[in-house]
Amino acid sequence: MKRVKITSDNFVWHVLTEAEAKQALGKVEVFALYDDDSESLIESEEEIETHIRRGGYVGIEVGFIDDNQN
């Protein structure tokens, strides 16, 4: 399973399994991740199940890659 998604603008997402996403829900913001690098906030376990069932990924924000580090 894919564990990291990096968007075209170098934003990093930690991709979660369904079980991990359900555990994280309510503790941190969990997002549905789309192929066009957009995302939407997930508000229920049902949304997690539906998005994953449709072949999508869910994840949490990590942040931007800092290209200035050596």
PDB file of N, CA and C in Angstrom:
ATOM      1  N   MET A   1       0.825  -1.184   0.000  1.00  0.00           N
ATOM      2  CA  MET A   1       0.000   0.000   0.000  1.00  0.00           C
ATOM      3  C   MET A   1       0.869   1.248   0.000  1.00  0.00           C
ATOM      4  N   LYS A   2       0.427   2.226  -0.737  1.00  0.00           N
ATOM      5  CA  LYS A   2       1.088   3.523  -0.794  1.00  0.00           C
ATOM      6  C   LYS A   2       0.986   4.188   0.584  1.00  0.00           C
ATOM      7  N   ARG A   3       2.104   4.677   1.130  1.00  0.00           N
ATOM      8  CA  ARG A   3       2.079   5.279   2.468  1.00  0.00           C
ATOM      9  C   ARG A   3       2.324   6.780   2.462  1.00  0.00           C
ATOM     10  N   VAL A   4       2.828   7.304   1.344  1.00  0.00           N
ATOM     11  CA  VAL A   4       3.107   8.731   1.233  1.00  0.00           C
ATOM     12  C   VAL A   4       2.609   9.214  -0.118  1.00  0.00           C
ATOM     13  N   LYS A   5       1.990  10.382  -0.120  1.00  0.00           N
ATOM     14  CA  LYS A   5       1.612  11.025  -1.374  1.00  0.00           C
ATOM     15  C   LYS A   5       2.254  12.404  -1.378  1.00  0.00           C
ATOM     16  N   ILE A   6       2.962  12.709  -2.472  1.00  0.00           N
ATOM     17  CA  ILE A   6       3.570  14.022  -2.635  1.00  0.00           C
ATOM     18  C   ILE A   6       2.908  14.689  -3.834  1.00  0.00           C
ATOM     19  N   THR A   7       2.320  15.851  -3.612  1.00  0.00           N
ATOM     20  CA  THR A   7       1.609  16.555  -4.669  1.00  0.00           C
ATOM     21  C   THR A   7       2.583  17.322  -5.559  1.00  0.00           C
ATOM     22  N   SER A   8       2.069  17.857  -6.646  1.00  0.00           N
ATOM     23  CA  SER A   8       2.911  18.579  -7.601  1.00  0.00           C
ATOM     24  C   SER A   8       3.542  19.833  -7.006  1.00  0.00           C
ATOM     25  N   ASP A   9       2.947  20.364  -5.935  1.00  0.00           N
ATOM     26  CA  ASP A   9       3.544  21.537  -5.275  1.00  0.00           C
ATOM     27  C   ASP A   9       4.389  21.149  -4.063  1.00  0.00           C
ATOM     28  N   ASN A  10       4.795  19.855  -4.003  1.00  0.00           N
ATOM     29  CA  ASN A  10       5.676  19.306  -2.957  1.00  0.00           C
ATOM     30  C   ASN A  10       5.047  19.262  -1.571  1.00  0.00           C
ATOM     31  N   PHE A  11       3.729  19.142  -1.499  1.00  0.00           N
ATOM     32  CA  PHE A  11       3.074  18.928  -0.210  1.00  0.00           C
ATOM     33  C   PHE A  11       3.009  17.428   0.046  1.00  0.00           C
ATOM     34  N   VAL A  12       3.320  17.035   1.271  1.00  0.00           N
ATOM     35  CA  VAL A  12       3.406  15.620   1.631  1.00  0.00           C
ATOM     36  C   VAL A  12       2.204  15.226   2.493  1.00  0.00           C
ATOM     37  N   TRP A  13       1.612  14.100   2.124  1.00  0.00           N
ATOM     38  CA  TRP A  13       0.525  13.486   2.881  1.00  0.00           C
ATOM     39  C   TRP A  13       0.964  12.120   3.365  1.00  0.00           C
ATOM     40  N   HIS A  14       0.621  11.774   4.603  1.00  0.00           N
ATOM     41  CA  HIS A  14       0.823  10.415   5.117  1.00  0.00           C
ATOM     42  C   HIS A  14      -0.483   9.664   4.848  1.00  0.00           C
ATOM     43  N   VAL A  15      -0.409   8.660   3.990  1.00  0.00           N
ATOM     44  CA  VAL A  15      -1.587   7.886   3.602  1.00  0.00           C
ATOM     45  C   VAL A  15      -1.884   6.853   4.687  1.00  0.00           C
ATOM     46  N   LEU A  16      -3.161   6.762   5.060  1.00  0.00           N
ATOM     47  CA  LEU A  16      -3.598   5.873   6.141  1.00  0.00           C
ATOM     48  C   LEU A  16      -4.417   4.700   5.614  1.00  0.00           C
ATOM     49  N   THR A  17      -4.356   3.607   6.331  1.00  0.00           N
ATOM     50  CA  THR A  17      -5.281   2.507   6.065  1.00  0.00           C
ATOM     51  C   THR A  17      -6.654   2.917   6.585  1.00  0.00           C
ATOM     52  N   GLU A  18      -7.662   2.153   6.230  1.00  0.00           N
ATOM     53  CA  GLU A  18      -9.008   2.445   6.720  1.00  0.00           C
ATOM     54  C   GLU A  18      -9.047   2.424   8.248  1.00  0.00           C
ATOM     55  N   ALA A  19      -8.442   1.415   8.848  1.00  0.00           N
ATOM     56  CA  ALA A  19      -8.437   1.307  10.313  1.00  0.00           C
ATOM     57  C   ALA A  19      -7.700   2.479  10.954  1.00  0.00           C
ATOM     58  N   GLU A  20      -6.556   2.857  10.387  1.00  0.00           N
ATOM     59  CA  GLU A  20      -5.799   3.995  10.917  1.00  0.00           C
ATOM     60  C   GLU A  20      -6.600   5.287  10.801  1.00  0.00           C
ATOM     61  N   ALA A  21      -7.270   5.465   9.674  1.00  0.00           N
ATOM     62  CA  ALA A  21      -8.061   6.675   9.452  1.00  0.00           C
ATOM     63  C   ALA A  21      -9.204   6.764  10.458  1.00  0.00           C
ATOM     64  N   LYS A  22      -9.850   5.655  10.707  1.00  0.00           N
ATOM     65  CA  LYS A  22     -10.951   5.647  11.672  1.00  0.00           C
ATOM     66  C   LYS A  22     -10.454   5.963  13.075  1.00  0.00           C
ATOM     67  N   GLN A  23      -9.275   5.460  13.429  1.00  0.00           N
ATOM     68  CA  GLN A  23      -8.696   5.762  14.745  1.00  0.00           C
ATOM     69  C   GLN A  23      -8.306   7.229  14.852  1.00  0.00           C
ATOM     70  N   ALA A  24      -7.809   7.805  13.762  1.00  0.00           N
ATOM     71  CA  ALA A  24      -7.346   9.191  13.762  1.00  0.00           C
ATOM     72  C   ALA A  24      -8.494  10.191  13.744  1.00  0.00           C
ATOM     73  N   LEU A  25      -9.627   9.791  13.185  1.00  0.00           N
ATOM     74  CA  LEU A  25     -10.773  10.684  13.034  1.00  0.00           C
ATOM     75  C   LEU A  25     -11.190  11.235  14.404  1.00  0.00           C
ATOM     76  N   GLY A  26     -11.303  12.533  14.497  1.00  0.00           N
ATOM     77  CA  GLY A  26     -11.656  13.171  15.763  1.00  0.00           C
ATOM     78  C   GLY A  26     -10.456  13.593  16.583  1.00  0.00           C
ATOM     79  N   LYS A  27      -9.283  13.051  16.234  1.00  0.00           N
ATOM     80  CA  LYS A  27      -8.043  13.428  16.926  1.00  0.00           C
ATOM     81  C   LYS A  27      -7.221  14.389  16.077  1.00  0.00           C
ATOM     82  N   VAL A  28      -7.202  14.116  14.784  1.00  0.00           N
ATOM     83  CA  VAL A  28      -6.531  14.975  13.800  1.00  0.00           C
ATOM     84  C   VAL A  28      -7.437  15.078  12.576  1.00  0.00           C
ATOM     85  N   GLU A  29      -7.162  16.052  11.730  1.00  0.00           N
ATOM     86  CA  GLU A  29      -7.949  16.179  10.511  1.00  0.00           C
ATOM     87  C   GLU A  29      -7.529  15.095   9.516  1.00  0.00           C
ATOM     88  N   VAL A  30      -8.504  14.357   9.018  1.00  0.00           N
ATOM     89  CA  VAL A  30      -8.295  13.304   8.032  1.00  0.00           C
ATOM     90  C   VAL A  30      -8.921  13.775   6.724  1.00  0.00           C
ATOM     91  N   PHE A  31      -8.203  13.578   5.619  1.00  0.00           N
ATOM     92  CA  PHE A  31      -8.649  14.084   4.333  1.00  0.00           C
ATOM     93  C   PHE A  31      -8.793  12.971   3.309  1.00  0.00           C
ATOM     94  N   ALA A  32      -9.785  13.128   2.429  1.00  0.00           N
ATOM     95  CA  ALA A  32      -9.889  12.308   1.225  1.00  0.00           C
ATOM     96  C   ALA A  32      -8.937  12.930   0.215  1.00  0.00           C
ATOM     97  N   LEU A  33      -8.074  12.116  -0.384  1.00  0.00           N
ATOM     98  CA  LEU A  33      -7.074  12.599  -1.338  1.00  0.00           C
ATOM     99  C   LEU A  33      -7.480  12.178  -2.739  1.00  0.00           C
ATOM    100  N   TYR A  34      -7.360  13.104  -3.675  1.00  0.00           N
ATOM    101  CA  TYR A  34      -7.797  12.858  -5.048  1.00  0.00           C
ATOM    102  C   TYR A  34      -6.621  12.894  -6.019  1.00  0.00           C
ATOM    103  N   ASP A  35      -6.801  12.262  -7.169  1.00  0.00           N
ATOM    104  CA  ASP A  35      -5.744  12.157  -8.179  1.00  0.00           C
ATOM    105  C   ASP A  35      -5.286  13.504  -8.729  1.00  0.00           C
ATOM    106  N   ASP A  36      -6.152  14.521  -8.667  1.00  0.00           N
ATOM    107  CA  ASP A  36      -5.775  15.841  -9.191  1.00  0.00           C
ATOM    108  C   ASP A  36      -5.072  16.698  -8.136  1.00  0.00           C
ATOM    109  N   ASP A  37      -4.623  16.070  -7.039  1.00  0.00           N
ATOM    110  CA  ASP A  37      -3.921  16.707  -5.921  1.00  0.00           C
ATOM    111  C   ASP A  37      -4.819  17.567  -5.041  1.00  0.00           C
ATOM    112  N   SER A  38      -6.129  17.475  -5.222  1.00  0.00           N
ATOM    113  CA  SER A  38      -7.040  18.178  -4.319  1.00  0.00           C
ATOM    114  C   SER A  38      -7.367  17.242  -3.150  1.00  0.00           C
ATOM    115  N   GLU A  39      -8.009  17.817  -2.153  1.00  0.00           N
ATOM    116  CA  GLU A  39      -8.395  17.034  -0.984  1.00  0.00           C
ATOM    117  C   GLU A  39      -9.675  17.613  -0.402  1.00  0.00           C
ATOM    118  N   SER A  40     -10.344  16.815   0.437  1.00  0.00           N
ATOM    119  CA  SER A  40     -11.514  17.298   1.162  1.00  0.00           C
ATOM    120  C   SER A  40     -11.506  16.697   2.560  1.00  0.00           C
ATOM    121  N   LEU A  41     -11.930  17.492   3.520  1.00  0.00           N
ATOM    122  CA  LEU A  41     -11.958  17.066   4.912  1.00  0.00           C
ATOM    123  C   LEU A  41     -13.005  15.977   5.104  1.00  0.00           C
ATOM    124  N   ILE A  42     -12.615  14.920   5.780  1.00  0.00           N
ATOM    125  CA  ILE A  42     -13.529  13.816   6.090  1.00  0.00           C
ATOM    126  C   ILE A  42     -14.112  14.055   7.468  1.00  0.00           C
ATOM    127  N   GLU A  43     -15.431  13.853   7.584  1.00  0.00           N
ATOM    128  CA  GLU A  43     -16.109  14.122   8.846  1.00  0.00           C
ATOM    129  C   GLU A  43     -16.757  12.898   9.478  1.00  0.00           C
ATOM    130  N   SER A  44     -16.707  11.741   8.801  1.00  0.00           N
ATOM    131  CA  SER A  44     -17.352  10.551   9.372  1.00  0.00           C
ATOM    132  C   SER A  44     -16.645   9.279   8.901  1.00  0.00           C
ATOM    133  N   GLU A  45     -16.860   8.218   9.656  1.00  0.00           N
ATOM    134  CA  GLU A  45     -16.315   6.922   9.257  1.00  0.00           C
ATOM    135  C   GLU A  45     -16.925   6.459   7.941  1.00  0.00           C
ATOM    136  N   GLU A  46     -18.178   6.799   7.714  1.00  0.00           N
ATOM    137  CA  GLU A  46     -18.845   6.424   6.464  1.00  0.00           C
ATOM    138  C   GLU A  46     -18.133   7.054   5.262  1.00  0.00           C
ATOM    139  N   GLU A  47     -17.689   8.301   5.398  1.00  0.00           N
ATOM    140  CA  GLU A  47     -16.958   8.958   4.313  1.00  0.00           C
ATOM    141  C   GLU A  47     -15.632   8.247   4.042  1.00  0.00           C
ATOM    142  N   ILE A  48     -14.962   7.795   5.090  1.00  0.00           N
ATOM    143  CA  ILE A  48     -13.714   7.033   4.938  1.00  0.00           C
ATOM    144  C   ILE A  48     -13.994   5.769   4.147  1.00  0.00           C
ATOM    145  N   GLU A  49     -14.990   5.008   4.579  1.00  0.00           N
ATOM    146  CA  GLU A  49     -15.330   3.742   3.932  1.00  0.00           C
ATOM    147  C   GLU A  49     -15.676   3.943   2.466  1.00  0.00           C
ATOM    148  N   THR A  50     -16.507   4.946   2.178  1.00  0.00           N
ATOM    149  CA  THR A  50     -16.948   5.205   0.811  1.00  0.00           C
ATOM    150  C   THR A  50     -15.775   5.596  -0.078  1.00  0.00           C
ATOM    151  N   HIS A  51     -14.929   6.487   0.403  1.00  0.00           N
ATOM    152  CA  HIS A  51     -13.806   6.955  -0.417  1.00  0.00           C
ATOM    153  C   HIS A  51     -12.828   5.814  -0.709  1.00  0.00           C
ATOM    154  N   ILE A  52     -12.511   5.024   0.283  1.00  0.00           N
ATOM    155  CA  ILE A  52     -11.594   3.900   0.078  1.00  0.00           C
ATOM    156  C   ILE A  52     -12.232   2.845  -0.820  1.00  0.00           C
ATOM    157  N   ARG A  53     -13.510   2.574  -0.641  1.00  0.00           N
ATOM    158  CA  ARG A  53     -14.218   1.599  -1.476  1.00  0.00           C
ATOM    159  C   ARG A  53     -14.182   2.010  -2.943  1.00  0.00           C
ATOM    160  N   ARG A  54     -14.182   3.307  -3.195  1.00  0.00           N
ATOM    161  CA  ARG A  54     -14.132   3.820  -4.568  1.00  0.00           C
ATOM    162  C   ARG A  54     -12.699   3.906  -5.110  1.00  0.00           C
ATOM    163  N   GLY A  55     -11.735   3.393  -4.343  1.00  0.00           N
ATOM    164  CA  GLY A  55     -10.357   3.346  -4.807  1.00  0.00           C
ATOM    165  C   GLY A  55      -9.509   4.542  -4.414  1.00  0.00           C
ATOM    166  N   GLY A  56     -10.047   5.413  -3.581  1.00  0.00           N
ATOM    167  CA  GLY A  56      -9.302   6.601  -3.165  1.00  0.00           C
ATOM    168  C   GLY A  56      -8.416   6.352  -1.959  1.00  0.00           C
ATOM    169  N   TYR A  57      -7.570   7.320  -1.718  1.00  0.00           N
ATOM    170  CA  TYR A  57      -6.700   7.299  -0.537  1.00  0.00           C
ATOM    171  C   TYR A  57      -7.200   8.311   0.474  1.00  0.00           C
ATOM    172  N   VAL A  58      -6.916   8.054   1.741  1.00  0.00           N
ATOM    173  CA  VAL A  58      -7.173   9.027   2.799  1.00  0.00           C
ATOM    174  C   VAL A  58      -5.862   9.256   3.532  1.00  0.00           C
ATOM    175  N   GLY A  59      -5.708  10.459   4.069  1.00  0.00           N
ATOM    176  CA  GLY A  59      -4.448  10.744   4.735  1.00  0.00           C
ATOM    177  C   GLY A  59      -4.499  11.943   5.646  1.00  0.00           C
ATOM    178  N   ILE A  60      -3.359  12.181   6.286  1.00  0.00           N
ATOM    179  CA  ILE A  60      -3.189  13.336   7.164  1.00  0.00           C
ATOM    180  C   ILE A  60      -2.031  14.173   6.634  1.00  0.00           C
ATOM    181  N   GLU A  61      -2.093  15.462   6.938  1.00  0.00           N
ATOM    182  CA  GLU A  61      -1.076  16.391   6.459  1.00  0.00           C
ATOM    183  C   GLU A  61       0.262  16.155   7.151  1.00  0.00           C
ATOM    184  N   VAL A  62       1.342  16.206   6.357  1.00  0.00           N
ATOM    185  CA  VAL A  62       2.699  16.207   6.899  1.00  0.00           C
ATOM    186  C   VAL A  62       3.274  17.609   6.730  1.00  0.00           C
ATOM    187  N   GLY A  63       3.162  18.155   5.529  1.00  0.00           N
ATOM    188  CA  GLY A  63       3.639  19.510   5.271  1.00  0.00           C
ATOM    189  C   GLY A  63       4.426  19.567   3.982  1.00  0.00           C
ATOM    190  N   PHE A  64       4.954  20.749   3.694  1.00  0.00           N
ATOM    191  CA  PHE A  64       5.721  20.952   2.475  1.00  0.00           C
ATOM    192  C   PHE A  64       7.142  20.431   2.624  1.00  0.00           C
ATOM    193  N   ILE A  65       7.682  19.894   1.537  1.00  0.00           N
ATOM    194  CA  ILE A  65       9.069  19.496   1.502  1.00  0.00           C
ATOM    195  C   ILE A  65       9.898  20.772   1.459  1.00  0.00           C
ATOM    196  N   ASP A  66      10.912  20.842   2.296  1.00  0.00           N
ATOM    197  CA  ASP A  66      11.792  22.013   2.324  1.00  0.00           C
ATOM    198  C   ASP A  66      12.992  21.737   1.449  1.00  0.00           C
ATOM    199  N   ASP A  67      12.991  22.293   0.240  1.00  0.00           N
ATOM    200  CA  ASP A  67      14.086  22.086  -0.696  1.00  0.00           C
ATOM    201  C   ASP A  67      15.356  22.807  -0.304  1.00  0.00           C
ATOM    202  N   ASN A  68      15.297  23.649   0.724  1.00  0.00           N
ATOM    203  CA  ASN A  68      16.468  24.439   1.133  1.00  0.00           C
ATOM    204  C   ASN A  68      17.360  23.702   2.111  1.00  0.00           C
ATOM    205  N   GLN A  69      16.920  22.551   2.592  1.00  0.00           N
ATOM    206  CA  GLN A  69      17.753  21.788   3.517  1.00  0.00           C
ATOM    207  C   GLN A  69      18.800  21.009   2.755  1.00  0.00           C
ATOM    208  N   ASN A  70      19.989  20.904   3.329  1.00  0.00           N
ATOM    209  CA  ASN A  70      21.079  20.156   2.673  1.00  0.00           C
ATOM    210  C   ASN A  70      21.143  18.744   3.154  1.00  0.00           C
TER     211      ASN A  70
END
